[in-house]
Each structure stands twice: as C-alpha cells, then as structure tokens.
Amino acid sequence: MKTPADQNASTEVPVAMETELEQLRVRVIALENLLIALLAQAPERQLALAREMAAYITPRAGATPHPLTLRAADEMLSLVDRAGQFRAQPPG
C-alpha cells in the first residue's frame, strides 16, 4: 500500500523531468540559433562540409532508414539554409 509520502514522491519525478526537458529545449533552441549565427559567417567550404555530413548520415544502400536519422539530416540542411538568410549579400 502506498503511503502519502510515496504518492508525493511519484508525482515529483514527472515534474522534475518536465523541468529538465524544458531546460533542454531552451538549450537546444539557443544552440541552434548560435549555430545559425556562426554558419552565417562561415566560408562556403564549411557550409559544403555541413551539407556533406548531412548526406553522410542518411541511410546506406540496403539499410533500413531510421526516422530520427532522416530528421537529423533534414535538420542539418535546414540550419545551413536558415543561416543563408543571414549571410551578407554582396552589393550590386
């Protein structure tokens, strides 16, 4: 039989987990935006390397595509594309 203390402990874990998940979400958003800022100033070779890495992590021939891997590759390309919006445009 659960005591009131046991019941409180079981409800505290999800709250603590949710708080930690929220902190992780905030950190990921911050890191994404920082990465976009850095990529916006990156040389073309580094942008090409990021695109190559996204292609590298996609499934190989005969391998079963994993949805998270596919999403990660798409997200990498999205970050490079989003950085392109902030790259300095040459005058002209």
PDB file of N, CA and C in Angstrom:
ATOM      1  N   MET A   1       0.842  -1.176   0.000  1.00  0.00           N
ATOM      2  CA  MET A   1       0.000   0.000   0.000  1.00  0.00           C
ATOM      3  C   MET A   1       0.889   1.242   0.000  1.00  0.00           C
ATOM      4  N   LYS A   2       0.512   2.224  -0.819  1.00  0.00           N
ATOM      5  CA  LYS A   2       1.305   3.448  -0.906  1.00  0.00           C
ATOM      6  C   LYS A   2       0.943   4.397   0.225  1.00  0.00           C
ATOM      7  N   THR A   3       1.981   4.977   0.781  1.00  0.00           N
ATOM      8  CA  THR A   3       1.767   5.998   1.802  1.00  0.00           C
ATOM      9  C   THR A   3       1.671   7.346   1.118  1.00  0.00           C
ATOM     10  N   PRO A   4       1.169   8.372   1.811  1.00  0.00           N
ATOM     11  CA  PRO A   4       1.134   9.712   1.197  1.00  0.00           C
ATOM     12  C   PRO A   4       2.517  10.179   0.752  1.00  0.00           C
ATOM     13  N   ALA A   5       3.551   9.800   1.466  1.00  0.00           N
ATOM     14  CA  ALA A   5       4.912  10.181   1.063  1.00  0.00           C
ATOM     15  C   ALA A   5       5.287   9.532  -0.256  1.00  0.00           C
ATOM     16  N   ASP A   6       4.901   8.257  -0.440  1.00  0.00           N
ATOM     17  CA  ASP A   6       5.171   7.562  -1.700  1.00  0.00           C
ATOM     18  C   ASP A   6       4.444   8.239  -2.858  1.00  0.00           C
ATOM     19  N   GLN A   7       3.214   8.619  -2.628  1.00  0.00           N
ATOM     20  CA  GLN A   7       2.429   9.273  -3.674  1.00  0.00           C
ATOM     21  C   GLN A   7       3.045  10.613  -4.055  1.00  0.00           C
ATOM     22  N   ASN A   8       3.528  11.376  -3.085  1.00  0.00           N
ATOM     23  CA  ASN A   8       4.181  12.659  -3.378  1.00  0.00           C
ATOM     24  C   ASN A   8       5.464  12.454  -4.159  1.00  0.00           C
ATOM     25  N   ALA A   9       6.223  11.435  -3.790  1.00  0.00           N
ATOM     26  CA  ALA A   9       7.486  11.167  -4.487  1.00  0.00           C
ATOM     27  C   ALA A   9       7.225  10.811  -5.938  1.00  0.00           C
ATOM     28  N   SER A  10       6.174  10.043  -6.197  1.00  0.00           N
ATOM     29  CA  SER A  10       5.904   9.641  -7.568  1.00  0.00           C
ATOM     30  C   SER A  10       5.415  10.808  -8.413  1.00  0.00           C
ATOM     31  N   THR A  11       4.765  11.789  -7.832  1.00  0.00           N
ATOM     32  CA  THR A  11       4.323  12.952  -8.605  1.00  0.00           C
ATOM     33  C   THR A  11       5.442  13.963  -8.790  1.00  0.00           C
ATOM     34  N   GLU A  12       6.443  13.942  -7.935  1.00  0.00           N
ATOM     35  CA  GLU A  12       7.548  14.889  -8.061  1.00  0.00           C
ATOM     36  C   GLU A  12       8.483  14.525  -9.210  1.00  0.00           C
ATOM     37  N   VAL A  13       8.643  13.265  -9.497  1.00  0.00           N
ATOM     38  CA  VAL A  13       9.559  12.843 -10.560  1.00  0.00           C
ATOM     39  C   VAL A  13       9.123  13.414 -11.909  1.00  0.00           C
ATOM     40  N   PRO A  14       7.854  13.255 -12.313  1.00  0.00           N
ATOM     41  CA  PRO A  14       7.458  13.821 -13.600  1.00  0.00           C
ATOM     42  C   PRO A  14       7.627  15.343 -13.655  1.00  0.00           C
ATOM     43  N   VAL A  15       7.365  16.036 -12.550  1.00  0.00           N
ATOM     44  CA  VAL A  15       7.543  17.490 -12.529  1.00  0.00           C
ATOM     45  C   VAL A  15       9.016  17.829 -12.728  1.00  0.00           C
ATOM     46  N   ALA A  16       9.882  17.111 -12.036  1.00  0.00           N
ATOM     47  CA  ALA A  16      11.322  17.348 -12.187  1.00  0.00           C
ATOM     48  C   ALA A  16      11.766  17.019 -13.607  1.00  0.00           C
ATOM     49  N   MET A  17      11.245  15.936 -14.165  1.00  0.00           N
ATOM     50  CA  MET A  17      11.591  15.570 -15.538  1.00  0.00           C
ATOM     51  C   MET A  17      11.127  16.641 -16.514  1.00  0.00           C
ATOM     52  N   GLU A  18       9.912  17.128 -16.315  1.00  0.00           N
ATOM     53  CA  GLU A  18       9.377  18.155 -17.214  1.00  0.00           C
ATOM     54  C   GLU A  18      10.215  19.423 -17.142  1.00  0.00           C
ATOM     55  N   THR A  19      10.654  19.776 -15.952  1.00  0.00           N
ATOM     56  CA  THR A  19      11.516  20.947 -15.798  1.00  0.00           C
ATOM     57  C   THR A  19      12.828  20.749 -16.540  1.00  0.00           C
ATOM     58  N   GLU A  20      13.403  19.565 -16.407  1.00  0.00           N
ATOM     59  CA  GLU A  20      14.658  19.272 -17.105  1.00  0.00           C
ATOM     60  C   GLU A  20      14.457  19.255 -18.616  1.00  0.00           C
ATOM     61  N   LEU A  21      13.358  18.681 -19.071  1.00  0.00           N
ATOM     62  CA  LEU A  21      13.077  18.678 -20.510  1.00  0.00           C
ATOM     63  C   LEU A  21      12.905  20.102 -21.034  1.00  0.00           C
ATOM     64  N   GLU A  22      12.261  20.942 -20.265  1.00  0.00           N
ATOM     65  CA  GLU A  22      12.099  22.338 -20.680  1.00  0.00           C
ATOM     66  C   GLU A  22      13.453  23.025 -20.784  1.00  0.00           C
ATOM     67  N   GLN A  23      14.340  22.769 -19.829  1.00  0.00           N
ATOM     68  CA  GLN A  23      15.685  23.345 -19.882  1.00  0.00           C
ATOM     69  C   GLN A  23      16.446  22.833 -21.103  1.00  0.00           C
ATOM     70  N   LEU A  24      16.307  21.562 -21.414  1.00  0.00           N
ATOM     71  CA  LEU A  24      16.964  21.012 -22.599  1.00  0.00           C
ATOM     72  C   LEU A  24      16.425  21.659 -23.872  1.00  0.00           C
ATOM     73  N   ARG A  25      15.124  21.869 -23.936  1.00  0.00           N
ATOM     74  CA  ARG A  25      14.540  22.534 -25.111  1.00  0.00           C
ATOM     75  C   ARG A  25      15.112  23.940 -25.275  1.00  0.00           C
ATOM     76  N   VAL A  26      15.201  24.666 -24.177  1.00  0.00           N
ATOM     77  CA  VAL A  26      15.754  26.022 -24.228  1.00  0.00           C
ATOM     78  C   VAL A  26      17.195  25.993 -24.715  1.00  0.00           C
ATOM     79  N   ARG A  27      17.971  25.042 -24.200  1.00  0.00           N
ATOM     80  CA  ARG A  27      19.375  24.938 -24.611  1.00  0.00           C
ATOM     81  C   ARG A  27      19.503  24.588 -26.086  1.00  0.00           C
ATOM     82  N   VAL A  28      18.652  23.684 -26.568  1.00  0.00           N
ATOM     83  CA  VAL A  28      18.697  23.314 -27.986  1.00  0.00           C
ATOM     84  C   VAL A  28      18.358  24.522 -28.856  1.00  0.00           C
ATOM     85  N   ILE A  29      17.346  25.269 -28.481  1.00  0.00           N
ATOM     86  CA  ILE A  29      16.982  26.467 -29.244  1.00  0.00           C
ATOM     87  C   ILE A  29      18.145  27.453 -29.262  1.00  0.00           C
ATOM     88  N   ALA A  30      18.769  27.654 -28.111  1.00  0.00           N
ATOM     89  CA  ALA A  30      19.916  28.568 -28.034  1.00  0.00           C
ATOM     90  C   ALA A  30      21.063  28.077 -28.910  1.00  0.00           C
ATOM     91  N   LEU A  31      21.356  26.790 -28.848  1.00  0.00           N
ATOM     92  CA  LEU A  31      22.446  26.235 -29.661  1.00  0.00           C
ATOM     93  C   LEU A  31      22.139  26.318 -31.149  1.00  0.00           C
ATOM     94  N   GLU A  32      20.897  26.066 -31.524  1.00  0.00           N
ATOM     95  CA  GLU A  32      20.526  26.183 -32.946  1.00  0.00           C
ATOM     96  C   GLU A  32      20.753  27.607 -33.436  1.00  0.00           C
ATOM     97  N   ASN A  33      20.307  28.568 -32.662  1.00  0.00           N
ATOM     98  CA  ASN A  33      20.456  29.960 -33.083  1.00  0.00           C
ATOM     99  C   ASN A  33      21.915  30.396 -33.099  1.00  0.00           C
ATOM    100  N   LEU A  34      22.687  29.921 -32.145  1.00  0.00           N
ATOM    101  CA  LEU A  34      24.117  30.223 -32.146  1.00  0.00           C
ATOM    102  C   LEU A  34      24.789  29.602 -33.360  1.00  0.00           C
ATOM    103  N   LEU A  35      24.426  28.365 -33.672  1.00  0.00           N
ATOM    104  CA  LEU A  35      24.997  27.697 -34.843  1.00  0.00           C
ATOM    105  C   LEU A  35      24.615  28.424 -36.127  1.00  0.00           C
ATOM    106  N   ILE A  36      23.384  28.874 -36.233  1.00  0.00           N
ATOM    107  CA  ILE A  36      22.957  29.628 -37.418  1.00  0.00           C
ATOM    108  C   ILE A  36      23.793  30.897 -37.553  1.00  0.00           C
ATOM    109  N   ALA A  37      24.027  31.581 -36.429  1.00  0.00           N
ATOM    110  CA  ALA A  37      24.848  32.795 -36.470  1.00  0.00           C
ATOM    111  C   ALA A  37      26.268  32.483 -36.943  1.00  0.00           C
ATOM    112  N   LEU A  38      26.830  31.391 -36.458  1.00  0.00           N
ATOM    113  CA  LEU A  38      28.190  31.020 -36.873  1.00  0.00           C
ATOM    114  C   LEU A  38      28.229  30.588 -38.329  1.00  0.00           C
ATOM    115  N   LEU A  39      27.235  29.818 -38.757  1.00  0.00           N
ATOM    116  CA  LEU A  39      27.193  29.396 -40.158  1.00  0.00           C
ATOM    117  C   LEU A  39      26.979  30.576 -41.101  1.00  0.00           C
ATOM    118  N   ALA A  40      26.313  31.600 -40.634  1.00  0.00           N
ATOM    119  CA  ALA A  40      26.085  32.776 -41.478  1.00  0.00           C
ATOM    120  C   ALA A  40      27.399  33.458 -41.844  1.00  0.00           C
ATOM    121  N   GLN A  41      28.419  33.267 -41.026  1.00  0.00           N
ATOM    122  CA  GLN A  41      29.731  33.864 -41.282  1.00  0.00           C
ATOM    123  C   GLN A  41      30.749  32.838 -41.785  1.00  0.00           C
ATOM    124  N   ALA A  42      30.313  31.620 -41.963  1.00  0.00           N
ATOM    125  CA  ALA A  42      31.237  30.538 -42.349  1.00  0.00           C
ATOM    126  C   ALA A  42      31.608  30.634 -43.824  1.00  0.00           C
ATOM    127  N   PRO A  43      32.823  30.205 -44.147  1.00  0.00           N
ATOM    128  CA  PRO A  43      33.216  30.131 -45.552  1.00  0.00           C
ATOM    129  C   PRO A  43      32.374  29.076 -46.278  1.00  0.00           C
ATOM    130  N   GLU A  44      32.295  29.211 -47.567  1.00  0.00           N
ATOM    131  CA  GLU A  44      31.493  28.292 -48.387  1.00  0.00           C
ATOM    132  C   GLU A  44      31.917  26.837 -48.192  1.00  0.00           C
ATOM    133  N   ARG A  45      33.194  26.580 -47.991  1.00  0.00           N
ATOM    134  CA  ARG A  45      33.680  25.201 -47.794  1.00  0.00           C
ATOM    135  C   ARG A  45      33.086  24.581 -46.531  1.00  0.00           C
ATOM    136  N   GLN A  46      32.940  25.360 -45.462  1.00  0.00           N
ATOM    137  CA  GLN A  46      32.350  24.820 -44.241  1.00  0.00           C
ATOM    138  C   GLN A  46      30.865  24.522 -44.431  1.00  0.00           C
ATOM    139  N   LEU A  47      30.177  25.341 -45.204  1.00  0.00           N
ATOM    140  CA  LEU A  47      28.767  25.077 -45.496  1.00  0.00           C
ATOM    141  C   LEU A  47      28.633  23.799 -46.320  1.00  0.00           C
ATOM    142  N   ALA A  48      29.537  23.640 -47.280  1.00  0.00           N
ATOM    143  CA  ALA A  48      29.525  22.423 -48.098  1.00  0.00           C
ATOM    144  C   ALA A  48      29.816  21.201 -47.227  1.00  0.00           C
ATOM    145  N   LEU A  49      30.724  21.335 -46.276  1.00  0.00           N
ATOM    146  CA  LEU A  49      31.045  20.236 -45.374  1.00  0.00           C
ATOM    147  C   LEU A  49      29.832  19.857 -44.517  1.00  0.00           C
ATOM    148  N   ALA A  50      29.080  20.844 -44.049  1.00  0.00           N
ATOM    149  CA  ALA A  50      27.873  20.561 -43.274  1.00  0.00           C
ATOM    150  C   ALA A  50      26.856  19.810 -44.131  1.00  0.00           C
ATOM    151  N   ARG A  51      26.721  20.219 -45.381  1.00  0.00           N
ATOM    152  CA  ARG A  51      25.816  19.502 -46.295  1.00  0.00           C
ATOM    153  C   ARG A  51      26.297  18.075 -46.547  1.00  0.00           C
ATOM    154  N   GLU A  52      27.602  17.907 -46.699  1.00  0.00           N
ATOM    155  CA  GLU A  52      28.162  16.569 -46.905  1.00  0.00           C
ATOM    156  C   GLU A  52      27.903  15.681 -45.692  1.00  0.00           C
ATOM    157  N   MET A  53      28.037  16.241 -44.507  1.00  0.00           N
ATOM    158  CA  MET A  53      27.804  15.464 -43.291  1.00  0.00           C
ATOM    159  C   MET A  53      26.346  15.038 -43.203  1.00  0.00           C
ATOM    160  N   ALA A  54      25.430  15.907 -43.588  1.00  0.00           N
ATOM    161  CA  ALA A  54      24.006  15.543 -43.590  1.00  0.00           C
ATOM    162  C   ALA A  54      23.771  14.377 -44.548  1.00  0.00           C
ATOM    163  N   ALA A  55      24.409  14.415 -45.697  1.00  0.00           N
ATOM    164  CA  ALA A  55      24.268  13.313 -46.659  1.00  0.00           C
ATOM    165  C   ALA A  55      24.922  12.047 -46.122  1.00  0.00           C
ATOM    166  N   TYR A  56      26.001  12.198 -45.381  1.00  0.00           N
ATOM    167  CA  TYR A  56      26.730  11.058 -44.840  1.00  0.00           C
ATOM    168  C   TYR A  56      25.897  10.282 -43.826  1.00  0.00           C
ATOM    169  N   ILE A  57      25.059  10.954 -43.048  1.00  0.00           N
ATOM    170  CA  ILE A  57      24.309  10.261 -42.008  1.00  0.00           C
ATOM    171  C   ILE A  57      22.998   9.663 -42.512  1.00  0.00           C
ATOM    172  N   THR A  58      22.649   9.904 -43.769  1.00  0.00           N
ATOM    173  CA  THR A  58      21.450   9.269 -44.321  1.00  0.00           C
ATOM    174  C   THR A  58      21.724   7.779 -44.506  1.00  0.00           C
ATOM    175  N   PRO A  59      20.687   6.979 -44.556  1.00  0.00           N
ATOM    176  CA  PRO A  59      20.883   5.523 -44.632  1.00  0.00           C
ATOM    177  C   PRO A  59      21.657   5.087 -45.876  1.00  0.00           C
ATOM    178  N   ARG A  60      22.459   4.074 -45.693  1.00  0.00           N
ATOM    179  CA  ARG A  60      23.218   3.490 -46.794  1.00  0.00           C
ATOM    180  C   ARG A  60      22.333   2.518 -47.581  1.00  0.00           C
ATOM    181  N   ALA A  61      22.756   2.161 -48.757  1.00  0.00           N
ATOM    182  CA  ALA A  61      22.014   1.198 -49.581  1.00  0.00           C
ATOM    183  C   ALA A  61      21.834  -0.097 -48.798  1.00  0.00           C
ATOM    184  N   GLY A  62      20.616  -0.583 -48.780  1.00  0.00           N
ATOM    185  CA  GLY A  62      20.307  -1.818 -48.081  1.00  0.00           C
ATOM    186  C   GLY A  62      20.008  -1.649 -46.607  1.00  0.00           C
ATOM    187  N   ALA A  63      20.255  -0.457 -46.061  1.00  0.00           N
ATOM    188  CA  ALA A  63      19.974  -0.215 -44.642  1.00  0.00           C
ATOM    189  C   ALA A  63      18.547   0.286 -44.482  1.00  0.00           C
ATOM    190  N   THR A  64      17.965  -0.031 -43.353  1.00  0.00           N
ATOM    191  CA  THR A  64      16.618   0.449 -43.059  1.00  0.00           C
ATOM    192  C   THR A  64      16.698   1.902 -42.612  1.00  0.00           C
ATOM    193  N   PRO A  65      15.971   2.778 -43.274  1.00  0.00           N
ATOM    194  CA  PRO A  65      16.006   4.188 -42.859  1.00  0.00           C
ATOM    195  C   PRO A  65      15.418   4.351 -41.457  1.00  0.00           C
ATOM    196  N   HIS A  66      16.116   5.041 -40.615  1.00  0.00           N
ATOM    197  CA  HIS A  66      15.629   5.316 -39.271  1.00  0.00           C
ATOM    198  C   HIS A  66      15.052   6.723 -39.264  1.00  0.00           C
ATOM    199  N   PRO A  67      13.819   6.890 -38.835  1.00  0.00           N
ATOM    200  CA  PRO A  67      13.169   8.212 -38.900  1.00  0.00           C
ATOM    201  C   PRO A  67      13.952   9.320 -38.202  1.00  0.00           C
ATOM    202  N   LEU A  68      14.564   9.026 -37.065  1.00  0.00           N
ATOM    203  CA  LEU A  68      15.314  10.075 -36.369  1.00  0.00           C
ATOM    204  C   LEU A  68      16.563  10.480 -37.148  1.00  0.00           C
ATOM    205  N   THR A  69      17.202   9.516 -37.798  1.00  0.00           N
ATOM    206  CA  THR A  69      18.376   9.831 -38.612  1.00  0.00           C
ATOM    207  C   THR A  69      17.972  10.710 -39.788  1.00  0.00           C
ATOM    208  N   LEU A  70      16.876  10.358 -40.433  1.00  0.00           N
ATOM    209  CA  LEU A  70      16.402  11.160 -41.560  1.00  0.00           C
ATOM    210  C   LEU A  70      16.045  12.571 -41.117  1.00  0.00           C
ATOM    211  N   ARG A  71      15.390  12.678 -39.974  1.00  0.00           N
ATOM    212  CA  ARG A  71      15.031  14.006 -39.455  1.00  0.00           C
ATOM    213  C   ARG A  71      16.271  14.806 -39.085  1.00  0.00           C
ATOM    214  N   ALA A  72      17.277  14.134 -38.533  1.00  0.00           N
ATOM    215  CA  ALA A  72      18.516  14.827 -38.159  1.00  0.00           C
ATOM    216  C   ALA A  72      19.214  15.384 -39.400  1.00  0.00           C
ATOM    217  N   ALA A  73      19.273  14.596 -40.452  1.00  0.00           N
ATOM    218  CA  ALA A  73      19.895  15.066 -41.694  1.00  0.00           C
ATOM    219  C   ALA A  73      19.120  16.246 -42.264  1.00  0.00           C
ATOM    220  N   ASP A  74      17.804  16.148 -42.253  1.00  0.00           N
ATOM    221  CA  ASP A  74      16.983  17.269 -42.737  1.00  0.00           C
ATOM    222  C   ASP A  74      17.195  18.515 -41.891  1.00  0.00           C
ATOM    223  N   GLU A  75      17.320  18.331 -40.582  1.00  0.00           N
ATOM    224  CA  GLU A  75      17.519  19.475 -39.683  1.00  0.00           C
ATOM    225  C   GLU A  75      18.872  20.132 -39.930  1.00  0.00           C
ATOM    226  N   MET A  76      19.888  19.321 -40.217  1.00  0.00           N
ATOM    227  CA  MET A  76      21.204  19.887 -40.521  1.00  0.00           C
ATOM    228  C   MET A  76      21.127  20.768 -41.765  1.00  0.00           C
ATOM    229  N   LEU A  77      20.472  20.267 -42.789  1.00  0.00           N
ATOM    230  CA  LEU A  77      20.325  21.052 -44.015  1.00  0.00           C
ATOM    231  C   LEU A  77      19.498  22.312 -43.759  1.00  0.00           C
ATOM    232  N   SER A  78      18.489  22.184 -42.922  1.00  0.00           N
ATOM    233  CA  SER A  78      17.664  23.336 -42.579  1.00  0.00           C
ATOM    234  C   SER A  78      18.487  24.417 -41.879  1.00  0.00           C
ATOM    235  N   LEU A  79      19.374  24.020 -40.987  1.00  0.00           N
ATOM    236  CA  LEU A  79      20.214  25.001 -40.291  1.00  0.00           C
ATOM    237  C   LEU A  79      21.125  25.739 -41.268  1.00  0.00           C
ATOM    238  N   VAL A  80      21.706  25.008 -42.213  1.00  0.00           N
ATOM    239  CA  VAL A  80      22.555  25.647 -43.218  1.00  0.00           C
ATOM    240  C   VAL A  80      21.724  26.606 -44.064  1.00  0.00           C
ATOM    241  N   ASP A  81      20.533  26.177 -44.463  1.00  0.00           N
ATOM    242  CA  ASP A  81      19.655  27.037 -45.263  1.00  0.00           C
ATOM    243  C   ASP A  81      19.227  28.282 -44.486  1.00  0.00           C
ATOM    244  N   ARG A  82      18.893  28.094 -43.221  1.00  0.00           N
ATOM    245  CA  ARG A  82      18.478  29.242 -42.404  1.00  0.00           C
ATOM    246  C   ARG A  82      19.620  30.225 -42.213  1.00  0.00           C
ATOM    247  N   ALA A  83      20.838  29.706 -42.116  1.00  0.00           N
ATOM    248  CA  ALA A  83      21.998  30.588 -41.980  1.00  0.00           C
ATOM    249  C   ALA A  83      22.175  31.430 -43.238  1.00  0.00           C
ATOM    250  N   GLY A  84      21.806  30.842 -44.387  1.00  0.00           N
ATOM    251  CA  GLY A  84      21.923  31.566 -45.653  1.00  0.00           C
ATOM    252  C   GLY A  84      21.108  32.852 -45.670  1.00  0.00           C
ATOM    253  N   GLN A  85      20.026  32.887 -44.909  1.00  0.00           N
ATOM    254  CA  GLN A  85      19.202  34.096 -44.839  1.00  0.00           C
ATOM    255  C   GLN A  85      19.927  35.249 -44.158  1.00  0.00           C
ATOM    256  N   PHE A  86      20.963  34.941 -43.390  1.00  0.00           N
ATOM    257  CA  PHE A  86      21.684  35.967 -42.641  1.00  0.00           C
ATOM    258  C   PHE A  86      23.069  36.246 -43.199  1.00  0.00           C
ATOM    259  N   ARG A  87      23.424  35.552 -44.260  1.00  0.00           N
ATOM    260  CA  ARG A  87      24.732  35.802 -44.875  1.00  0.00           C
ATOM    261  C   ARG A  87      24.720  37.165 -45.549  1.00  0.00           C
ATOM    262  N   ALA A  88      25.838  37.834 -45.471  1.00  0.00           N
ATOM    263  CA  ALA A  88      25.959  39.156 -46.087  1.00  0.00           C
ATOM    264  C   ALA A  88      25.808  39.027 -47.603  1.00  0.00           C
ATOM    265  N   GLN A  89      24.943  39.819 -48.144  1.00  0.00           N
ATOM    266  CA  GLN A  89      24.736  39.834 -49.592  1.00  0.00           C
ATOM    267  C   GLN A  89      25.723  40.826 -50.223  1.00  0.00           C
ATOM    268  N   PRO A  90      26.416  40.427 -51.282  1.00  0.00           N
ATOM    269  CA  PRO A  90      27.346  41.360 -51.929  1.00  0.00           C
ATOM    270  C   PRO A  90      26.566  42.518 -52.555  1.00  0.00           C
ATOM    271  N   PRO A  91      27.133  43.714 -52.516  1.00  0.00           N
ATOM    272  CA  PRO A  91      26.443  44.861 -53.123  1.00  0.00           C
ATOM    273  C   PRO A  91      26.315  44.667 -54.626  1.00  0.00           C
ATOM    274  N   GLY A  92      25.214  45.122 -55.111  1.00  0.00           N
ATOM    275  CA  GLY A  92      25.093  45.008 -56.553  1.00  0.00           C
ATOM    276  C   GLY A  92      23.720  45.011 -56.971  1.00  0.00           C
TER     277      GLY A  92
END
